[in-house]
Amino acid sequence: MTETVKGPASYFPSIERKYGRPIAEWKDLIRASPLTKHMELVSWLKSEHGLGHGHANALVAHTLAE
């Protein structure tokens, strides 16, 4: 039986479909950014890459939690 994905990772399939990049690529961009604060990174993904708030927030939260 497949376990239901919860939390930020539950957004990953729709992020990949909507923006056409794999999650690993988004995480690499976040890690390479000189920004370090959660909301700075969310704002950057929204303004520079056109992500919606929920998608940007999910990517940043999951990446920073690693």
N, C-alpha and C. Protein backbone atom coordinates (compact mmCIF):
# COMPACT_ATOMS: atom_id res chain seq x y z
N MET A 1 0.84 -1.18 0.00
CA MET A 1 0.00 0.00 0.00
C MET A 1 0.89 1.25 0.00
N THR A 2 0.54 2.22 -0.79
CA THR A 2 1.32 3.44 -0.91
C THR A 2 0.96 4.40 0.22
N GLU A 3 2.01 4.93 0.87
CA GLU A 3 1.80 5.90 1.94
C GLU A 3 1.52 7.28 1.34
N THR A 4 0.57 7.99 1.92
CA THR A 4 0.23 9.33 1.45
C THR A 4 1.33 10.30 1.85
N VAL A 5 1.79 11.09 0.88
CA VAL A 5 2.81 12.10 1.16
C VAL A 5 2.14 13.29 1.82
N LYS A 6 2.76 13.76 2.90
CA LYS A 6 2.20 14.89 3.65
C LYS A 6 3.23 16.01 3.74
N GLY A 7 2.77 17.16 4.18
CA GLY A 7 3.67 18.29 4.37
C GLY A 7 4.10 18.91 3.05
N PRO A 8 5.22 19.63 3.07
CA PRO A 8 5.68 20.34 1.87
C PRO A 8 5.85 19.43 0.65
N ALA A 9 6.29 18.20 0.85
CA ALA A 9 6.53 17.30 -0.29
C ALA A 9 5.25 16.97 -1.04
N SER A 10 4.10 17.16 -0.41
CA SER A 10 2.84 16.87 -1.11
C SER A 10 2.62 17.82 -2.29
N TYR A 11 3.30 18.95 -2.29
CA TYR A 11 3.20 19.91 -3.39
C TYR A 11 4.11 19.56 -4.58
N PHE A 12 5.07 18.68 -4.37
CA PHE A 12 6.10 18.46 -5.38
C PHE A 12 5.58 18.03 -6.75
N PRO A 13 4.65 17.08 -6.85
CA PRO A 13 4.18 16.70 -8.19
C PRO A 13 3.57 17.88 -8.96
N SER A 14 2.77 18.71 -8.28
CA SER A 14 2.16 19.84 -8.98
C SER A 14 3.19 20.91 -9.33
N ILE A 15 4.22 21.07 -8.49
CA ILE A 15 5.29 22.05 -8.79
C ILE A 15 6.01 21.62 -10.06
N GLU A 16 6.35 20.34 -10.16
CA GLU A 16 7.06 19.85 -11.35
C GLU A 16 6.19 20.00 -12.60
N ARG A 17 4.91 19.69 -12.49
CA ARG A 17 4.00 19.82 -13.65
C ARG A 17 3.85 21.28 -14.07
N LYS A 18 3.61 22.16 -13.10
CA LYS A 18 3.30 23.55 -13.41
C LYS A 18 4.51 24.34 -13.93
N TYR A 19 5.69 24.09 -13.34
CA TYR A 19 6.85 24.93 -13.67
C TYR A 19 7.90 24.22 -14.53
N GLY A 20 7.70 22.91 -14.78
CA GLY A 20 8.54 22.20 -15.73
C GLY A 20 9.98 21.91 -15.31
N ARG A 21 10.25 21.99 -14.03
CA ARG A 21 11.60 21.68 -13.53
C ARG A 21 11.48 20.62 -12.44
N PRO A 22 12.44 19.73 -12.36
CA PRO A 22 12.41 18.74 -11.27
C PRO A 22 12.69 19.41 -9.92
N ILE A 23 12.20 18.81 -8.86
CA ILE A 23 12.37 19.35 -7.51
C ILE A 23 13.85 19.51 -7.17
N ALA A 24 14.67 18.57 -7.59
CA ALA A 24 16.11 18.66 -7.30
C ALA A 24 16.71 19.95 -7.86
N GLU A 25 16.24 20.37 -9.02
CA GLU A 25 16.74 21.61 -9.62
C GLU A 25 16.31 22.82 -8.80
N TRP A 26 15.06 22.84 -8.34
CA TRP A 26 14.60 23.94 -7.50
C TRP A 26 15.40 24.01 -6.21
N LYS A 27 15.66 22.84 -5.60
CA LYS A 27 16.42 22.80 -4.36
C LYS A 27 17.85 23.28 -4.58
N ASP A 28 18.44 22.93 -5.70
CA ASP A 28 19.79 23.41 -6.03
C ASP A 28 19.80 24.93 -6.14
N LEU A 29 18.77 25.51 -6.77
CA LEU A 29 18.67 26.97 -6.88
C LEU A 29 18.58 27.61 -5.50
N ILE A 30 17.78 27.03 -4.63
CA ILE A 30 17.62 27.57 -3.27
C ILE A 30 18.94 27.51 -2.53
N ARG A 31 19.62 26.38 -2.61
CA ARG A 31 20.90 26.22 -1.90
C ARG A 31 21.97 27.16 -2.45
N ALA A 32 21.92 27.46 -3.74
CA ALA A 32 22.92 28.32 -4.37
C ALA A 32 22.65 29.81 -4.13
N SER A 33 21.47 30.13 -3.69
CA SER A 33 21.11 31.53 -3.46
C SER A 33 21.90 32.10 -2.28
N PRO A 34 22.30 33.37 -2.38
CA PRO A 34 22.97 34.01 -1.24
C PRO A 34 22.00 34.30 -0.09
N LEU A 35 20.70 34.20 -0.37
CA LEU A 35 19.70 34.44 0.67
C LEU A 35 19.64 33.25 1.62
N THR A 36 19.35 33.51 2.89
CA THR A 36 19.32 32.42 3.86
C THR A 36 18.02 32.36 4.67
N LYS A 37 17.28 33.44 4.72
CA LYS A 37 16.05 33.46 5.51
C LYS A 37 14.88 32.92 4.70
N HIS A 38 14.01 32.21 5.41
CA HIS A 38 12.88 31.53 4.77
C HIS A 38 12.07 32.48 3.87
N MET A 39 11.57 33.56 4.43
CA MET A 39 10.69 34.45 3.64
C MET A 39 11.44 35.20 2.55
N GLU A 40 12.72 35.45 2.73
CA GLU A 40 13.51 36.06 1.64
C GLU A 40 13.57 35.10 0.46
N LEU A 41 13.79 33.84 0.75
CA LEU A 41 13.86 32.83 -0.32
C LEU A 41 12.51 32.66 -1.00
N VAL A 42 11.43 32.66 -0.21
CA VAL A 42 10.09 32.54 -0.78
C VAL A 42 9.82 33.72 -1.72
N SER A 43 10.11 34.92 -1.25
CA SER A 43 9.89 36.13 -2.08
C SER A 43 10.72 36.08 -3.35
N TRP A 44 11.94 35.61 -3.25
CA TRP A 44 12.84 35.50 -4.40
C TRP A 44 12.28 34.51 -5.43
N LEU A 45 11.83 33.35 -4.98
CA LEU A 45 11.26 32.36 -5.91
C LEU A 45 10.01 32.92 -6.60
N LYS A 46 9.22 33.68 -5.86
CA LYS A 46 8.01 34.26 -6.43
C LYS A 46 8.34 35.34 -7.46
N SER A 47 9.26 36.24 -7.12
CA SER A 47 9.55 37.37 -8.02
C SER A 47 10.45 36.99 -9.19
N GLU A 48 11.45 36.16 -8.95
CA GLU A 48 12.41 35.82 -10.00
C GLU A 48 12.01 34.62 -10.86
N HIS A 49 11.23 33.72 -10.28
CA HIS A 49 10.91 32.48 -10.99
C HIS A 49 9.41 32.26 -11.19
N GLY A 50 8.58 33.18 -10.71
CA GLY A 50 7.15 33.12 -10.96
C GLY A 50 6.37 32.05 -10.21
N LEU A 51 6.93 31.53 -9.13
CA LEU A 51 6.21 30.53 -8.35
C LEU A 51 5.12 31.18 -7.52
N GLY A 52 4.08 30.42 -7.26
CA GLY A 52 3.04 30.86 -6.34
C GLY A 52 3.56 30.76 -4.92
N HIS A 53 2.89 31.44 -4.00
CA HIS A 53 3.36 31.47 -2.62
C HIS A 53 3.43 30.08 -1.99
N GLY A 54 2.40 29.28 -2.14
CA GLY A 54 2.37 27.95 -1.54
C GLY A 54 3.47 27.05 -2.06
N HIS A 55 3.69 27.09 -3.36
CA HIS A 55 4.74 26.28 -3.96
C HIS A 55 6.12 26.73 -3.50
N ALA A 56 6.35 28.03 -3.51
CA ALA A 56 7.65 28.56 -3.06
C ALA A 56 7.88 28.22 -1.59
N ASN A 57 6.86 28.39 -0.78
CA ASN A 57 6.96 28.11 0.65
C ASN A 57 7.28 26.63 0.89
N ALA A 58 6.63 25.74 0.17
CA ALA A 58 6.86 24.30 0.32
C ALA A 58 8.30 23.94 -0.04
N LEU A 59 8.79 24.47 -1.15
CA LEU A 59 10.16 24.18 -1.57
C LEU A 59 11.18 24.68 -0.56
N VAL A 60 11.01 25.90 -0.09
CA VAL A 60 11.94 26.48 0.87
C VAL A 60 11.90 25.71 2.19
N ALA A 61 10.71 25.43 2.68
CA ALA A 61 10.58 24.72 3.96
C ALA A 61 11.25 23.35 3.89
N HIS A 62 11.01 22.62 2.82
CA HIS A 62 11.57 21.28 2.68
C HIS A 62 13.09 21.34 2.53
N THR A 63 13.58 22.31 1.78
CA THR A 63 15.03 22.43 1.55
C THR A 63 15.75 22.84 2.83
N LEU A 64 15.23 23.82 3.54
CA LEU A 64 15.89 24.29 4.75
C LEU A 64 15.82 23.25 5.88
N ALA A 65 14.85 22.37 5.84
CA ALA A 65 14.72 21.34 6.87
C ALA A 65 15.73 20.20 6.70
N GLU A 66 16.36 20.14 5.55
CA GLU A 66 17.30 19.05 5.28
C GLU A 66 18.59 19.19 6.09
